[in-house]
C-alpha atoms as a PDB file:
ATOM      1  CA  MET A   1     -70.457  41.158 -28.557  1.00  0.00           C
ATOM      2  CA  THR A   2     -70.532  40.669 -24.780  1.00  0.00           C
ATOM      3  CA  GLU A   3     -70.123  37.301 -23.040  1.00  0.00           C
ATOM      4  CA  ILE A   4     -73.848  37.286 -22.236  1.00  0.00           C
ATOM      5  CA  GLU A   5     -74.676  37.895 -25.910  1.00  0.00           C
ATOM      6  CA  ALA A   6     -72.240  35.152 -26.905  1.00  0.00           C
ATOM      7  CA  ILE A   7     -73.938  32.690 -24.518  1.00  0.00           C
ATOM      8  CA  LYS A   8     -77.356  33.455 -25.987  1.00  0.00           C
ATOM      9  CA  GLU A   9     -76.164  33.215 -29.611  1.00  0.00           C
ATOM     10  CA  ARG A  10     -73.873  30.211 -29.299  1.00  0.00           C
ATOM     11  CA  HIS A  11     -75.165  26.678 -30.013  1.00  0.00           C
ATOM     12  CA  SER A  12     -73.317  23.412 -30.645  1.00  0.00           C
ATOM     13  CA  VAL A  13     -72.448  22.942 -34.324  1.00  0.00           C
ATOM     14  CA  ARG A  14     -71.451  19.549 -35.763  1.00  0.00           C
ATOM     15  CA  ASN A  15     -71.174  20.275 -39.488  1.00  0.00           C
ATOM     16  CA  TYR A  16     -68.467  22.609 -40.781  1.00  0.00           C
ATOM     17  CA  LYS A  17     -67.507  24.333 -43.989  1.00  0.00           C
ATOM     18  CA  PRO A  18     -64.143  23.404 -45.572  1.00  0.00           C
ATOM     19  CA  LYS A  19     -62.843  26.859 -44.728  1.00  0.00           C
ATOM     20  CA  LYS A  20     -59.585  27.579 -42.951  1.00  0.00           C
ATOM     21  CA  ILE A  21     -59.661  29.964 -39.983  1.00  0.00           C
ATOM     22  CA  GLU A  22     -57.950  33.246 -40.876  1.00  0.00           C
ATOM     23  CA  GLU A  23     -54.479  33.802 -39.409  1.00  0.00           C
ATOM     24  CA  GLU A  24     -55.614  37.003 -37.705  1.00  0.00           C
ATOM     25  CA  LYS A  25     -58.253  35.082 -35.770  1.00  0.00           C
ATOM     26  CA  VAL A  26     -55.804  32.260 -35.022  1.00  0.00           C
ATOM     27  CA  GLU A  27     -53.414  34.781 -33.454  1.00  0.00           C
ATOM     28  CA  LEU A  28     -56.230  36.265 -31.359  1.00  0.00           C
ATOM     29  CA  MET A  29     -57.198  32.784 -30.160  1.00  0.00           C
ATOM     30  CA  ARG A  30     -53.635  31.858 -29.273  1.00  0.00           C
ATOM     31  CA  SER A  31     -53.280  35.101 -27.305  1.00  0.00           C
ATOM     32  CA  ARG A  32     -56.488  34.392 -25.389  1.00  0.00           C
ATOM     33  CA  ILE A  33     -55.343  30.809 -24.731  1.00  0.00           C
ATOM     34  CA  GLU A  34     -52.080  32.083 -23.254  1.00  0.00           C
ATOM     35  CA  GLU A  35     -54.042  34.341 -20.883  1.00  0.00           C
ATOM     36  CA  LEU A  36     -56.354  31.516 -19.793  1.00  0.00           C
ATOM     37  CA  ASN A  37     -53.455  29.092 -19.319  1.00  0.00           C
ATOM     38  CA  ARG A  38     -51.599  31.575 -17.114  1.00  0.00           C
ATOM     39  CA  GLU A  39     -54.700  32.134 -15.004  1.00  0.00           C
ATOM     40  CA  SER A  40     -55.722  28.475 -14.701  1.00  0.00           C
ATOM     41  CA  GLY A  41     -52.530  26.441 -14.870  1.00  0.00           C
ATOM     42  CA  LEU A  42     -54.075  24.444 -17.719  1.00  0.00           C
ATOM     43  CA  HIS A  43     -52.436  23.592 -21.047  1.00  0.00           C
ATOM     44  CA  LEU A  44     -55.218  24.531 -23.488  1.00  0.00           C
ATOM     45  CA  GLN A  45     -54.086  24.170 -27.093  1.00  0.00           C
ATOM     46  CA  PHE A  46     -55.439  25.293 -30.465  1.00  0.00           C
ATOM     47  CA  LEU A  47     -54.651  22.717 -33.143  1.00  0.00           C
ATOM     48  CA  GLU A  48     -55.108  24.321 -36.539  1.00  0.00           C
ATOM     49  CA  ASN A  49     -55.298  20.986 -38.345  1.00  0.00           C
ATOM     50  CA  ALA A  50     -57.671  18.557 -36.657  1.00  0.00           C
ATOM     51  CA  GLU A  51     -56.252  15.744 -38.825  1.00  0.00           C
ATOM     52  CA  LYS A  52     -58.047  12.498 -37.824  1.00  0.00           C
ATOM     53  CA  THR A  53     -59.236  13.673 -34.393  1.00  0.00           C
ATOM     54  CA  TYR A  54     -62.881  13.153 -35.357  1.00  0.00           C
ATOM     55  CA  ASN A  55     -62.512  10.041 -37.462  1.00  0.00           C
ATOM     56  CA  LYS A  56     -64.468   7.692 -35.201  1.00  0.00           C
ATOM     57  CA  LEU A  57     -67.673   6.255 -36.663  1.00  0.00           C
ATOM     58  CA  LEU A  58     -69.912   8.329 -34.368  1.00  0.00           C
ATOM     59  CA  ASN A  59     -68.063  11.527 -35.356  1.00  0.00           C
ATOM     60  CA  ARG A  60     -68.406  10.711 -39.058  1.00  0.00           C
ATOM     61  CA  THR A  61     -72.088   9.875 -38.648  1.00  0.00           C
ATOM     62  CA  SER A  62     -72.799  13.181 -36.882  1.00  0.00           C
ATOM     63  CA  GLY A  63     -70.694  15.159 -39.367  1.00  0.00           C
ATOM     64  CA  LEU A  64     -68.169  16.254 -36.758  1.00  0.00           C
ATOM     65  CA  ASN A  65     -65.311  14.892 -38.872  1.00  0.00           C
ATOM     66  CA  SER A  66     -65.821  17.990 -41.045  1.00  0.00           C
ATOM     67  CA  ALA A  67     -64.363  20.213 -38.287  1.00  0.00           C
ATOM     68  CA  PRO A  68     -61.099  21.686 -39.630  1.00  0.00           C
ATOM     69  CA  SER A  69     -59.570  22.549 -36.246  1.00  0.00           C
ATOM     70  CA  VAL A  70     -59.728  21.542 -32.608  1.00  0.00           C
ATOM     71  CA  ILE A  71     -59.088  22.927 -29.121  1.00  0.00           C
ATOM     72  CA  ALA A  72     -57.568  20.399 -26.714  1.00  0.00           C
ATOM     73  CA  CYS A  73     -58.212  20.790 -22.999  1.00  0.00           C
ATOM     74  CA  VAL A  74     -55.136  19.478 -21.186  1.00  0.00           C
ATOM     75  CA  GLY A  75     -53.997  19.931 -17.591  1.00  0.00           C
ATOM     76  CA  LYS A  76     -52.144  18.450 -14.663  1.00  0.00           C
ATOM     77  CA  GLU A  77     -53.446  15.072 -13.505  1.00  0.00           C
ATOM     78  CA  SER A  78     -52.688  16.031  -9.906  1.00  0.00           C
ATOM     79  CA  ASP A  79     -55.142  18.960  -9.975  1.00  0.00           C
ATOM     80  CA  PRO A  80     -58.318  17.781  -8.160  1.00  0.00           C
ATOM     81  CA  ASP A  81     -60.335  20.407 -10.060  1.00  0.00           C
ATOM     82  CA  LEU A  82     -58.891  19.508 -13.475  1.00  0.00           C
ATOM     83  CA  GLU A  83     -62.124  18.447 -15.168  1.00  0.00           C
ATOM     84  CA  GLU A  84     -64.132  21.377 -13.818  1.00  0.00           C
ATOM     85  CA  LYS A  85     -61.393  23.828 -14.803  1.00  0.00           C
ATOM     86  CA  ALA A  86     -61.276  22.324 -18.289  1.00  0.00           C
ATOM     87  CA  GLY A  87     -64.997  23.032 -18.581  1.00  0.00           C
ATOM     88  CA  TYR A  88     -64.837  26.495 -17.022  1.00  0.00           C
ATOM     89  CA  TYR A  89     -61.843  27.838 -18.946  1.00  0.00           C
ATOM     90  CA  GLY A  90     -62.691  25.912 -22.098  1.00  0.00           C
ATOM     91  CA  GLU A  91     -66.079  27.611 -22.124  1.00  0.00           C
ATOM     92  CA  LYS A  92     -64.398  30.984 -21.578  1.00  0.00           C
ATOM     93  CA  LEU A  93     -62.508  30.280 -24.795  1.00  0.00           C
ATOM     94  CA  VAL A  94     -65.614  28.974 -26.584  1.00  0.00           C
ATOM     95  CA  LEU A  95     -67.465  32.195 -25.817  1.00  0.00           C
ATOM     96  CA  TYR A  96     -64.498  34.271 -26.955  1.00  0.00           C
ATOM     97  CA  VAL A  97     -64.273  32.524 -30.343  1.00  0.00           C
ATOM     98  CA  GLN A  98     -68.029  32.956 -30.736  1.00  0.00           C
ATOM     99  CA  THR A  99     -67.376  36.711 -30.735  1.00  0.00           C
ATOM    100  CA  LEU A 100     -64.929  36.108 -33.616  1.00  0.00           C
ATOM    101  CA  GLY A 101     -67.691  34.574 -35.722  1.00  0.00           C
ATOM    102  CA  LEU A 102     -66.575  30.963 -35.240  1.00  0.00           C
ATOM    103  CA  ASN A 103     -68.595  27.916 -34.204  1.00  0.00           C
ATOM    104  CA  THR A 104     -67.769  25.133 -31.766  1.00  0.00           C
ATOM    105  CA  CYS A 105     -68.876  21.803 -30.358  1.00  0.00           C
ATOM    106  CA  TRP A 106     -67.738  20.195 -27.094  1.00  0.00           C
ATOM    107  CA  ALA A 107     -66.747  16.622 -27.994  1.00  0.00           C
ATOM    108  CA  GLY A 108     -65.925  13.947 -25.449  1.00  0.00           C
ATOM    109  CA  ILE A 109     -65.842  11.200 -28.072  1.00  0.00           C
ATOM    110  CA  PHE A 110     -62.864  11.502 -30.425  1.00  0.00           C
ATOM    111  CA  SER A 111     -59.700   9.648 -31.400  1.00  0.00           C
ATOM    112  CA  ARG A 112     -57.296  10.220 -28.519  1.00  0.00           C
ATOM    113  CA  LYS A 113     -54.543   8.394 -30.416  1.00  0.00           C
ATOM    114  CA  LYS A 114     -54.826  10.570 -33.514  1.00  0.00           C
ATOM    115  CA  ILE A 115     -55.396  14.046 -32.104  1.00  0.00           C
ATOM    116  CA  PRO A 116     -52.170  16.051 -32.741  1.00  0.00           C
ATOM    117  CA  VAL A 117     -51.904  17.295 -29.146  1.00  0.00           C
ATOM    118  CA  GLU A 118     -48.985  17.768 -26.769  1.00  0.00           C
ATOM    119  CA  VAL A 119     -49.520  15.988 -23.461  1.00  0.00           C
ATOM    120  CA  ALA A 120     -46.486  16.299 -21.166  1.00  0.00           C
ATOM    121  CA  PRO A 121     -45.639  13.804 -18.397  1.00  0.00           C
ATOM    122  CA  GLY A 122     -48.044  14.325 -15.499  1.00  0.00           C
ATOM    123  CA  GLU A 123     -50.666  15.868 -17.790  1.00  0.00           C
ATOM    124  CA  LYS A 124     -54.029  14.541 -18.969  1.00  0.00           C
ATOM    125  CA  LEU A 125     -56.124  15.229 -22.055  1.00  0.00           C
ATOM    126  CA  VAL A 126     -59.612  15.823 -20.659  1.00  0.00           C
ATOM    127  CA  ILE A 127     -61.820  16.720 -23.611  1.00  0.00           C
ATOM    128  CA  SER A 128     -61.795  18.341 -27.051  1.00  0.00           C
ATOM    129  CA  ILE A 129     -63.694  21.178 -28.693  1.00  0.00           C
ATOM    130  CA  ALA A 130     -64.307  21.147 -32.451  1.00  0.00           C
ATOM    131  CA  ILE A 131     -63.966  24.590 -34.028  1.00  0.00           C
ATOM    132  CA  GLY A 132     -64.448  26.184 -37.439  1.00  0.00           C
ATOM    133  CA  TYR A 133     -67.080  27.867 -39.593  1.00  0.00           C
ATOM    134  CA  GLY A 134     -70.370  26.029 -39.231  1.00  0.00           C
ATOM    135  CA  GLU A 135     -72.687  25.071 -42.054  1.00  0.00           C
ATOM    136  CA  ASN A 136     -75.348  26.496 -39.733  1.00  0.00           C
ATOM    137  CA  GLN A 137     -75.554  28.150 -36.326  1.00  0.00           C
ATOM    138  CA  GLY A 138     -76.947  25.148 -34.440  1.00  0.00           C
ATOM    139  CA  GLN A 139     -80.200  25.161 -32.511  1.00  0.00           C
ATOM    140  CA  ASN A 140     -81.574  25.651 -29.009  1.00  0.00           C
ATOM    141  CA  HIS A 141     -81.600  22.709 -26.609  1.00  0.00           C
ATOM    142  CA  LYS A 142     -84.455  21.844 -24.287  1.00  0.00           C
ATOM    143  CA  SER A 143     -83.788  22.830 -20.660  1.00  0.00           C
ATOM    144  CA  LYS A 144     -85.007  21.340 -17.393  1.00  0.00           C
ATOM    145  CA  PRO A 145     -87.418  23.366 -15.240  1.00  0.00           C
ATOM    146  CA  ILE A 146     -85.623  25.837 -12.948  1.00  0.00           C
ATOM    147  CA  ASP A 147     -86.799  24.078  -9.787  1.00  0.00           C
ATOM    148  CA  GLN A 148     -85.041  20.873 -10.898  1.00  0.00           C
ATOM    149  CA  ILE A 149     -81.595  22.445 -11.086  1.00  0.00           C
ATOM    150  CA  SER A 150     -81.721  25.111  -8.362  1.00  0.00           C
ATOM    151  CA  GLN A 151     -82.399  25.244  -4.619  1.00  0.00           C
ATOM    152  CA  PRO A 152     -82.851  28.794  -3.321  1.00  0.00           C
ATOM    153  CA  ALA A 153     -82.860  29.630   0.375  1.00  0.00           C
ATOM    154  CA  GLY A 154     -86.049  31.662   0.610  1.00  0.00           C
ATOM    155  CA  GLU A 155     -86.610  34.509  -1.849  1.00  0.00           C
ATOM    156  CA  ARG A 156     -84.527  34.480  -5.039  1.00  0.00           C
ATOM    157  CA  PRO A 157     -82.338  37.595  -5.372  1.00  0.00           C
ATOM    158  CA  GLU A 158     -82.050  39.042  -8.867  1.00  0.00           C
ATOM    159  CA  TRP A 159     -78.364  38.115  -9.251  1.00  0.00           C
ATOM    160  CA  PHE A 160     -79.184  34.455  -8.499  1.00  0.00           C
ATOM    161  CA  GLU A 161     -82.012  34.428 -11.033  1.00  0.00           C
ATOM    162  CA  LYS A 162     -79.724  35.857 -13.724  1.00  0.00           C
ATOM    163  CA  GLY A 163     -77.068  33.281 -12.912  1.00  0.00           C
ATOM    164  CA  ILE A 164     -79.579  30.428 -13.178  1.00  0.00           C
ATOM    165  CA  GLU A 165     -80.914  31.793 -16.463  1.00  0.00           C
ATOM    166  CA  LEU A 166     -77.510  31.553 -18.102  1.00  0.00           C
ATOM    167  CA  ALA A 167     -76.604  28.281 -16.360  1.00  0.00           C
ATOM    168  CA  LEU A 168     -79.582  26.695 -18.123  1.00  0.00           C
ATOM    169  CA  LEU A 169     -78.007  27.719 -21.446  1.00  0.00           C
ATOM    170  CA  ALA A 170     -74.763  25.876 -20.667  1.00  0.00           C
ATOM    171  CA  PRO A 171     -73.939  23.010 -23.064  1.00  0.00           C
ATOM    172  CA  THR A 172     -73.804  19.654 -21.246  1.00  0.00           C
ATOM    173  CA  ALA A 173     -73.005  16.129 -22.461  1.00  0.00           C
ATOM    174  CA  MET A 174     -76.104  14.628 -24.108  1.00  0.00           C
ATOM    175  CA  ASN A 175     -77.990  17.630 -22.677  1.00  0.00           C
ATOM    176  CA  GLN A 176     -78.100  15.825 -19.316  1.00  0.00           C
ATOM    177  CA  GLN A 177     -77.962  18.995 -17.157  1.00  0.00           C
ATOM    178  CA  SER A 178     -76.870  16.812 -14.229  1.00  0.00           C
ATOM    179  CA  PHE A 179     -76.272  19.573 -11.700  1.00  0.00           C
ATOM    180  CA  VAL A 180     -77.910  21.496  -8.870  1.00  0.00           C
ATOM    181  CA  ILE A 181     -77.148  25.091  -7.854  1.00  0.00           C
ATOM    182  CA  LYS A 182     -77.999  25.906  -4.254  1.00  0.00           C
ATOM    183  CA  LEU A 183     -78.266  29.361  -2.709  1.00  0.00           C
ATOM    184  CA  CYS A 184     -77.247  29.041   0.939  1.00  0.00           C
ATOM    185  CA  GLU A 185     -78.621  31.114   3.797  1.00  0.00           C
ATOM    186  CA  ASP A 186     -75.321  33.006   4.118  1.00  0.00           C
ATOM    187  CA  GLY A 187     -75.558  34.100   0.470  1.00  0.00           C
ATOM    188  CA  SER A 188     -72.933  31.677  -0.825  1.00  0.00           C
ATOM    189  CA  VAL A 189     -73.601  29.349  -3.741  1.00  0.00           C
ATOM    190  CA  GLU A 190     -72.978  25.597  -3.847  1.00  0.00           C
ATOM    191  CA  PHE A 191     -72.680  23.627  -7.084  1.00  0.00           C
ATOM    192  CA  THR A 192     -73.459  19.904  -6.961  1.00  0.00           C
ATOM    193  CA  ASP A 193     -72.482  17.373  -9.619  1.00  0.00           C
ATOM    194  CA  LYS A 194     -75.162  14.657  -9.817  1.00  0.00           C
ATOM    195  CA  GLY A 195     -72.943  12.393 -11.912  1.00  0.00           C
ATOM    196  CA  GLY A 196     -73.017  11.248 -15.502  1.00  0.00           C
ATOM    197  CA  PHE A 197     -70.992  11.342 -18.705  1.00  0.00           C
ATOM    198  CA  PHE A 198     -68.431  14.209 -18.432  1.00  0.00           C
ATOM    199  CA  SER A 199     -70.573  15.739 -15.674  1.00  0.00           C
ATOM    200  CA  ARG A 200     -67.622  17.390 -13.927  1.00  0.00           C
ATOM    201  CA  VAL A 201     -66.606  19.129 -17.143  1.00  0.00           C
ATOM    202  CA  ASP A 202     -70.232  20.163 -17.523  1.00  0.00           C
ATOM    203  CA  LEU A 203     -70.205  21.589 -13.999  1.00  0.00           C
ATOM    204  CA  GLY A 204     -67.249  23.797 -14.916  1.00  0.00           C
ATOM    205  CA  ILE A 205     -69.152  25.101 -17.936  1.00  0.00           C
ATOM    206  CA  VAL A 206     -72.182  25.737 -15.733  1.00  0.00           C
ATOM    207  CA  LYS A 207     -70.021  27.651 -13.231  1.00  0.00           C
ATOM    208  CA  CYS A 208     -68.716  29.821 -16.068  1.00  0.00           C
ATOM    209  CA  HIS A 209     -72.237  30.670 -17.231  1.00  0.00           C
ATOM    210  CA  PHE A 210     -73.542  31.265 -13.712  1.00  0.00           C
ATOM    211  CA  GLU A 211     -70.631  33.576 -12.929  1.00  0.00           C
ATOM    212  CA  ILE A 212     -71.218  35.639 -16.071  1.00  0.00           C
ATOM    213  CA  GLY A 213     -74.949  35.919 -15.395  1.00  0.00           C
ATOM    214  CA  SER A 214     -74.769  36.614 -11.668  1.00  0.00           C
ATOM    215  CA  GLY A 215     -71.603  38.693 -11.553  1.00  0.00           C
ATOM    216  CA  ARG A 216     -70.413  36.509  -8.647  1.00  0.00           C
ATOM    217  CA  LYS A 217     -66.844  35.162  -8.978  1.00  0.00           C
ATOM    218  CA  VAL A 218     -66.332  31.397  -8.700  1.00  0.00           C
ATOM    219  CA  GLU A 219     -63.514  30.559  -6.274  1.00  0.00           C
ATOM    220  CA  TRP A 220     -61.219  27.582  -6.819  1.00  0.00           C
ATOM    221  CA  THR A 221     -59.804  25.793  -3.775  1.00  0.00           C
END
């Protein structure tokens, strides 16, 4: 399965089977996490036992407390791009585990005191990702019209169109899609965060999807 196929097949899943992830897949995930951490400077972690991470009332009501495992997105507080990188590289991992037959759900609401995560001095826990075998494969979310989230300079080149297509499939908090992607006259692309709940994390996820669709590498300052 390619990353594009994974994007099109992957949907948020909140209800999970009481099935442990096989050790072979755990090892593959940990290897991928090591690669992403080296590239990004983040401290992404796979926590095999979610314990009481999703024990808040909202998590229990939605069924998310059934998730057996969790991915914690941690990084250096001093990094000005921390939240966007957590979204970008976290989504890279989400798409990878989708190819392994696993399901996920980005979760900004969880018990930060009970998640069994390692947060070193100078680091920050940004967000979590529930992971396991879903009771179902989730469902499509409604997307905003293209002209509400993109601003092309003149005619739309094919690579920009493909990037926008996949950006619209990016999971965002409460499906807010609070972003704008602008094609500049010099051919560069600008991403604007319009604000909202976890919108900077969302923007990182959007950048990941746009990059995969367009084939244009996102540069970090």
